[in-house]
Amino acid sequence: MARSKVTVVGAGNVGATCAHWIVSRELADVVLIDIVEGLPQGKALDLAQSAPVMGFDLNIVGANNYEATAGSDVVVITAGVPRKKDPVTGKFPSRDELVKTNQKIVGEVTRQVAKYSPNAILVVVSNPLDAMCHVVLQESGFPSERVIGQAGALDTARYKTFLAQELGVSVRDIHGIVLGGHGDTMVPLPRHTSVAGIPVRELLAEDKLQAIIQRTRNGGGEIVGLIGVSAWYAPAAGTVEMVEAILKDQKRVIPSAVYLRGEYGYNGLYIGIPALLGAKGVERVIVMDLNDDEKAMLDISAKAVQDVVNILGY
């Protein structure tokens, strides 16, 4: 039986950590791609040399061209520039400038990926996440079920982590979900959150719960504030959870940015909702019964996503 093949585009912190966890779980052979000469080759070689110690038996290669990616089953796209200060002016780029810059980068990556792996499922990690999913959908020409954004898996992981720490329980016993766009407008759902089946509000005061929700919304910014760059361990872990669900046809229900066609009242928009992931990509969109407050929060999140998508000009 032929092994699966995963390409990871972008050999920075998130991309390299994705590659690390894909091979450590023995999910697939990995091709690490980056425009910086030597970077993906060096990281792939370093990772390959850990195999005798860690006990995995897979091919790991780095490359600067896309020929090496041909025939990939899944492609993870982490390419793009982060939002950082201009060293000369000291100013941050505007949201519009950042969106346009990453639209160009992600668009070119997507065209190359689609050319060499026309049957792949594409998992988008580049930011601004929801908007970049639209870029990948447009430039690949793939059906929307094969273009999926990773955000909800990360946001949900942060939410569960903070709850487990506050309650002093295992993270394995926290069950919950986060919907909406990736960023300040994400929508945690305490009404659907439990600890081993016990509703979280029976165990935690409302003010502490709301503080955790706010911390979840600011999860990325908190890490940037501490170390000066964006997170990579948890984003990569959320991504690999999705990759594993696809490669193993697990039918996992994972909050993901998916293209909606009327579900939740939105049409033609990528937004984070619970999706069933399997060998075909998004195999089912799960529509939750939201109350008025939850739907109002999701509407705010959807509008924020739409405002960024409008910048793309599609």
Protein backbone atom coordinates (compact mmCIF):
# COMPACT_ATOMS: atom_id res chain seq x y z
CA MET A 1 0.00 0.00 0.00
CA ALA A 2 1.45 3.34 -1.08
CA ARG A 3 2.15 5.84 1.67
CA SER A 4 0.29 9.12 1.77
CA LYS A 5 2.10 12.30 0.78
CA VAL A 6 1.69 15.71 2.38
CA THR A 7 3.23 18.94 1.17
CA VAL A 8 3.74 21.77 3.65
CA VAL A 9 4.24 25.15 1.97
CA GLY A 10 6.27 27.48 4.17
CA ALA A 11 9.20 26.22 6.26
CA GLY A 12 8.80 28.77 9.04
CA ASN A 13 7.81 27.92 12.60
CA VAL A 14 4.27 26.71 11.80
CA GLY A 15 5.20 24.81 8.65
CA ALA A 16 8.24 23.08 10.14
CA THR A 17 6.28 22.11 13.27
CA CYS A 18 3.49 20.68 11.08
CA ALA A 19 6.09 18.57 9.28
CA HIS A 20 7.51 17.46 12.62
CA TRP A 21 4.19 16.26 13.98
CA ILE A 22 3.06 14.67 10.71
CA VAL A 23 6.12 12.42 10.63
CA SER A 24 6.16 11.80 14.38
CA ARG A 25 2.62 10.40 14.02
CA GLU A 26 3.75 8.48 10.92
CA LEU A 27 0.93 9.95 8.86
CA ALA A 28 2.70 10.54 5.53
CA ASP A 29 5.84 11.30 3.60
CA VAL A 30 6.45 15.06 3.75
CA VAL A 31 7.69 17.64 1.27
CA LEU A 32 8.63 20.97 2.88
CA ILE A 33 8.58 23.88 0.41
CA ASP A 34 9.92 27.41 0.83
CA ILE A 35 11.23 30.18 -1.43
CA VAL A 36 14.32 30.64 0.80
CA GLU A 37 17.10 28.48 -0.63
CA GLY A 38 18.48 25.97 1.84
CA LEU A 39 15.82 26.56 4.51
CA PRO A 40 13.41 23.71 3.68
CA GLN A 41 16.28 21.42 2.72
CA GLY A 42 18.05 22.05 6.02
CA LYS A 43 14.96 21.62 8.19
CA ALA A 44 13.92 18.47 6.30
CA LEU A 45 17.41 16.99 6.72
CA ASP A 46 17.47 17.82 10.43
CA LEU A 47 14.03 16.26 10.90
CA ALA A 48 15.02 13.16 8.89
CA GLN A 49 18.03 12.67 11.16
CA SER A 50 15.73 12.44 14.19
CA ALA A 51 13.99 9.37 12.71
CA PRO A 52 16.38 6.73 14.13
CA VAL A 53 15.85 8.15 17.62
CA MET A 54 12.10 8.83 17.40
CA GLY A 55 11.34 5.64 15.48
CA PHE A 56 9.44 6.91 12.45
CA ASP A 57 10.17 5.60 8.96
CA LEU A 58 9.16 8.13 6.32
CA ASN A 59 10.63 10.21 3.53
CA ILE A 60 11.15 13.89 4.35
CA VAL A 61 12.50 16.25 1.70
CA GLY A 62 12.85 20.00 1.35
CA ALA A 63 12.64 21.89 -1.94
CA ASN A 64 12.31 25.34 -3.49
CA ASN A 65 10.31 24.14 -6.50
CA TYR A 66 6.94 22.49 -6.77
CA GLU A 67 7.90 19.52 -8.94
CA ALA A 68 8.76 17.68 -5.72
CA THR A 69 5.19 18.12 -4.48
CA ALA A 70 3.55 16.25 -7.36
CA GLY A 71 0.83 13.84 -6.38
CA SER A 72 0.32 15.11 -2.84
CA ASP A 73 -2.79 13.90 -1.03
CA VAL A 74 -2.96 16.93 1.25
CA VAL A 75 -1.25 20.33 0.95
CA VAL A 76 -0.91 22.59 3.98
CA ILE A 77 -0.45 26.26 3.06
CA THR A 78 1.29 28.37 5.71
CA ALA A 79 2.93 30.87 3.33
CA GLY A 80 2.48 34.62 3.75
CA VAL A 81 3.87 37.56 5.67
CA PRO A 82 2.94 38.31 9.28
CA ARG A 83 1.75 41.71 10.43
CA LYS A 84 4.90 43.39 11.70
CA LYS A 85 6.37 46.87 12.02
CA ASP A 86 8.24 48.50 9.16
CA PRO A 87 11.82 48.83 10.47
CA VAL A 88 12.18 52.27 8.88
CA THR A 89 8.84 53.95 9.60
CA GLY A 90 7.94 51.96 12.71
CA LYS A 91 4.40 51.60 11.38
CA PHE A 92 2.32 48.47 10.89
CA PRO A 93 0.93 47.81 7.40
CA SER A 94 -2.77 48.49 7.05
CA ARG A 95 -5.14 45.54 7.01
CA ASP A 96 -5.77 46.18 3.31
CA GLU A 97 -2.04 46.16 2.51
CA LEU A 98 -1.50 42.92 4.42
CA VAL A 99 -4.47 41.24 2.74
CA LYS A 100 -3.29 42.27 -0.73
CA THR A 101 0.30 41.14 -0.04
CA ASN A 102 -0.77 37.74 1.19
CA GLN A 103 -3.35 37.40 -1.58
CA LYS A 104 -0.48 37.63 -4.07
CA ILE A 105 1.73 35.15 -2.19
CA VAL A 106 -1.01 32.61 -1.43
CA GLY A 107 -2.42 32.93 -4.94
CA GLU A 108 0.89 32.02 -6.56
CA VAL A 109 1.42 29.12 -4.15
CA THR A 110 -2.07 27.80 -4.87
CA ARG A 111 -1.62 27.87 -8.64
CA GLN A 112 1.59 25.83 -8.33
CA VAL A 113 0.07 23.36 -5.90
CA ALA A 114 -3.04 22.85 -8.04
CA LYS A 115 -0.89 22.27 -11.11
CA TYR A 116 1.13 19.45 -9.55
CA SER A 117 -1.48 17.92 -7.21
CA PRO A 118 -4.87 18.40 -8.90
CA ASN A 119 -6.59 15.90 -6.58
CA ALA A 120 -5.20 17.18 -3.29
CA ILE A 121 -7.14 18.54 -0.34
CA LEU A 122 -5.84 21.98 0.61
CA VAL A 123 -5.65 23.03 4.27
CA VAL A 124 -5.15 26.79 4.60
CA VAL A 125 -3.31 28.23 7.61
CA SER A 126 -2.16 31.56 6.14
CA ASN A 127 -3.65 34.75 7.58
CA PRO A 128 -6.01 36.52 7.41
CA LEU A 129 -7.33 32.97 7.46
CA ASP A 130 -10.91 33.24 6.25
CA ALA A 131 -10.00 35.60 3.41
CA MET A 132 -7.07 33.43 2.30
CA CYS A 133 -9.46 30.48 1.99
CA HIS A 134 -11.32 32.51 -0.65
CA VAL A 135 -8.02 33.13 -2.46
CA VAL A 136 -7.16 29.41 -2.48
CA LEU A 137 -10.66 28.45 -3.65
CA GLN A 138 -10.53 31.02 -6.47
CA GLU A 139 -6.99 30.29 -7.66
CA SER A 140 -7.14 26.49 -7.38
CA GLY A 141 -10.47 26.01 -9.11
CA PHE A 142 -11.03 23.10 -6.72
CA PRO A 143 -14.46 22.24 -5.33
CA SER A 144 -15.00 23.96 -2.00
CA GLU A 145 -15.04 20.71 -0.02
CA ARG A 146 -11.33 20.34 -0.87
CA VAL A 147 -10.36 23.81 0.43
CA ILE A 148 -10.54 24.02 4.22
CA GLY A 149 -9.23 26.62 6.67
CA GLN A 150 -7.59 25.83 10.01
CA ALA A 151 -8.66 28.22 12.74
CA GLY A 152 -11.42 26.66 14.80
CA ALA A 153 -9.22 23.70 15.80
CA LEU A 154 -6.68 26.17 17.22
CA ASP A 155 -9.22 28.48 18.87
CA THR A 156 -11.05 25.52 20.40
CA ALA A 157 -7.75 24.09 21.71
CA ARG A 158 -6.96 27.40 23.41
CA TYR A 159 -10.45 27.59 24.92
CA LYS A 160 -10.18 24.04 26.29
CA THR A 161 -6.69 24.70 27.67
CA PHE A 162 -7.76 27.76 29.62
CA LEU A 163 -10.83 25.99 31.00
CA ALA A 164 -8.79 22.96 32.10
CA GLN A 165 -6.23 25.19 33.82
CA GLU A 166 -8.93 27.18 35.64
CA LEU A 167 -10.82 24.07 36.77
CA GLY A 168 -7.78 21.94 37.55
CA VAL A 169 -9.01 19.06 35.38
CA SER A 170 -7.57 17.12 32.46
CA VAL A 171 -7.85 18.77 29.06
CA ARG A 172 -9.20 15.42 27.85
CA ASP A 173 -12.40 15.97 29.81
CA ILE A 174 -13.16 19.43 28.38
CA HIS A 175 -15.66 19.35 25.52
CA GLY A 176 -16.50 22.53 23.67
CA ILE A 177 -16.36 24.36 20.39
CA VAL A 178 -15.51 27.78 18.98
CA LEU A 179 -17.24 29.13 15.85
CA GLY A 180 -16.83 32.16 13.60
CA GLY A 181 -13.93 33.93 11.96
CA HIS A 182 -10.38 33.64 13.26
CA GLY A 183 -9.70 36.68 15.44
CA ASP A 184 -11.36 38.99 17.92
CA THR A 185 -14.86 38.11 16.71
CA MET A 186 -14.63 34.35 17.24
CA VAL A 187 -17.64 32.83 19.00
CA PRO A 188 -17.02 30.44 21.93
CA LEU A 189 -20.18 28.57 22.93
CA PRO A 190 -20.35 28.06 26.72
CA ARG A 191 -23.89 26.67 26.36
CA HIS A 192 -22.34 23.78 24.44
CA THR A 193 -19.31 23.39 26.73
CA SER A 194 -19.02 20.61 29.29
CA VAL A 195 -16.55 18.85 31.56
CA ALA A 196 -17.04 15.09 31.14
CA GLY A 197 -20.67 15.84 30.26
CA ILE A 198 -21.23 18.29 33.15
CA PRO A 199 -22.29 21.75 31.86
CA VAL A 200 -19.40 24.16 32.45
CA ARG A 201 -21.65 26.75 34.11
CA GLU A 202 -22.31 24.28 36.94
CA LEU A 203 -18.59 24.29 37.70
CA LEU A 204 -17.42 27.82 36.92
CA ALA A 205 -18.67 31.28 37.88
CA GLU A 206 -19.91 33.39 34.95
CA ASP A 207 -17.30 36.14 35.39
CA LYS A 208 -14.47 33.59 35.22
CA LEU A 209 -16.06 31.94 32.19
CA GLN A 210 -16.35 35.27 30.37
CA ALA A 211 -12.71 36.08 31.23
CA ILE A 212 -11.67 32.77 29.64
CA ILE A 213 -13.73 33.55 26.54
CA GLN A 214 -12.00 36.92 26.21
CA ARG A 215 -8.59 35.34 26.73
CA THR A 216 -9.42 32.84 23.97
CA ARG A 217 -10.28 35.69 21.58
CA ASN A 218 -6.94 37.33 22.38
CA GLY A 219 -5.03 34.03 22.38
CA GLY A 220 -2.77 34.83 19.46
CA GLY A 221 -2.06 38.37 20.64
CA GLU A 222 -1.12 37.16 24.13
CA ILE A 223 1.63 34.97 22.67
CA VAL A 224 2.89 37.71 20.32
CA GLY A 225 3.08 39.99 23.35
CA LEU A 226 5.21 37.46 25.24
CA ILE A 227 7.66 36.36 22.55
CA GLY A 228 7.29 38.92 19.76
CA VAL A 229 6.15 36.48 17.05
CA SER A 230 3.04 34.44 16.32
CA ALA A 231 2.41 31.06 17.91
CA TRP A 232 3.41 27.85 16.17
CA TYR A 233 3.01 24.76 18.39
CA ALA A 234 -0.76 24.98 18.85
CA PRO A 235 -1.49 26.22 15.28
CA ALA A 236 0.53 23.30 13.90
CA ALA A 237 -1.21 20.85 16.25
CA GLY A 238 -4.64 22.04 15.10
CA THR A 239 -3.55 21.68 11.48
CA VAL A 240 -2.19 18.17 11.92
CA GLU A 241 -5.42 17.11 13.66
CA MET A 242 -7.24 18.04 10.44
CA VAL A 243 -4.64 16.40 8.20
CA GLU A 244 -4.90 13.15 10.17
CA ALA A 245 -8.71 13.18 9.97
CA ILE A 246 -8.48 13.51 6.18
CA LEU A 247 -5.71 10.97 5.56
CA LYS A 248 -7.26 8.35 7.85
CA ASP A 249 -10.84 9.10 6.78
CA GLN A 250 -11.72 9.48 10.46
CA LYS A 251 -15.01 11.39 9.99
CA ARG A 252 -13.91 13.73 12.79
CA VAL A 253 -16.11 16.69 13.68
CA ILE A 254 -13.62 19.56 13.85
CA PRO A 255 -14.45 23.28 13.78
CA SER A 256 -13.04 24.45 10.45
CA ALA A 257 -13.36 27.38 8.07
CA VAL A 258 -15.59 26.03 5.31
CA TYR A 259 -17.47 27.52 2.38
CA LEU A 260 -21.13 27.90 3.28
CA ARG A 261 -24.02 27.64 0.85
CA GLY A 262 -26.90 28.88 2.93
CA GLU A 263 -26.00 27.12 6.19
CA TYR A 264 -26.37 29.39 9.23
CA GLY A 265 -27.86 31.96 6.84
CA TYR A 266 -24.63 32.70 4.94
CA ASN A 267 -23.95 32.08 1.29
CA GLY A 268 -20.60 32.13 -0.51
CA LEU A 269 -18.55 32.84 2.62
CA TYR A 270 -15.85 30.95 4.50
CA ILE A 271 -16.54 30.92 8.21
CA GLY A 272 -15.69 28.63 11.10
CA ILE A 273 -18.33 26.04 11.90
CA PRO A 274 -18.30 22.33 12.90
CA ALA A 275 -17.46 20.20 9.88
CA LEU A 276 -17.13 16.46 9.37
CA LEU A 277 -13.68 15.82 7.88
CA GLY A 278 -12.80 12.66 6.02
CA ALA A 279 -11.12 11.38 2.88
CA LYS A 280 -13.15 13.70 0.63
CA GLY A 281 -12.36 16.79 2.70
CA VAL A 282 -15.43 18.50 4.10
CA GLU A 283 -17.97 15.68 3.95
CA ARG A 284 -20.72 17.41 5.90
CA VAL A 285 -21.44 20.83 7.36
CA ILE A 286 -23.04 20.42 10.78
CA VAL A 287 -25.66 23.06 11.53
CA MET A 288 -26.01 23.75 15.25
CA ASP A 289 -29.15 25.14 16.82
CA LEU A 290 -27.91 28.54 17.99
CA ASN A 291 -29.90 30.83 20.26
CA ASP A 292 -30.42 34.51 19.46
CA ASP A 293 -27.31 35.70 21.32
CA GLU A 294 -25.07 33.09 19.70
CA LYS A 295 -26.43 33.85 16.22
CA ALA A 296 -25.94 37.59 16.82
CA MET A 297 -22.27 36.97 17.71
CA LEU A 298 -21.84 34.79 14.63
CA ASP A 299 -23.40 37.53 12.47
CA ILE A 300 -20.83 40.03 13.80
CA SER A 301 -18.06 37.56 13.04
CA ALA A 302 -19.40 36.88 9.53
CA LYS A 303 -19.54 40.62 8.79
CA ALA A 304 -15.91 41.02 9.91
CA VAL A 305 -14.91 38.19 7.57
CA GLN A 306 -16.95 39.63 4.69
CA ASP A 307 -15.30 43.04 5.13
CA VAL A 308 -11.85 41.49 4.65
CA VAL A 309 -13.01 39.26 1.77
CA ASN A 310 -14.32 42.36 -0.02
CA ILE A 311 -10.75 43.70 -0.21
CA LEU A 312 -9.76 40.75 -2.43
CA GLY A 313 -11.77 42.02 -5.38
CA TYR A 314 -13.20 38.66 -6.46
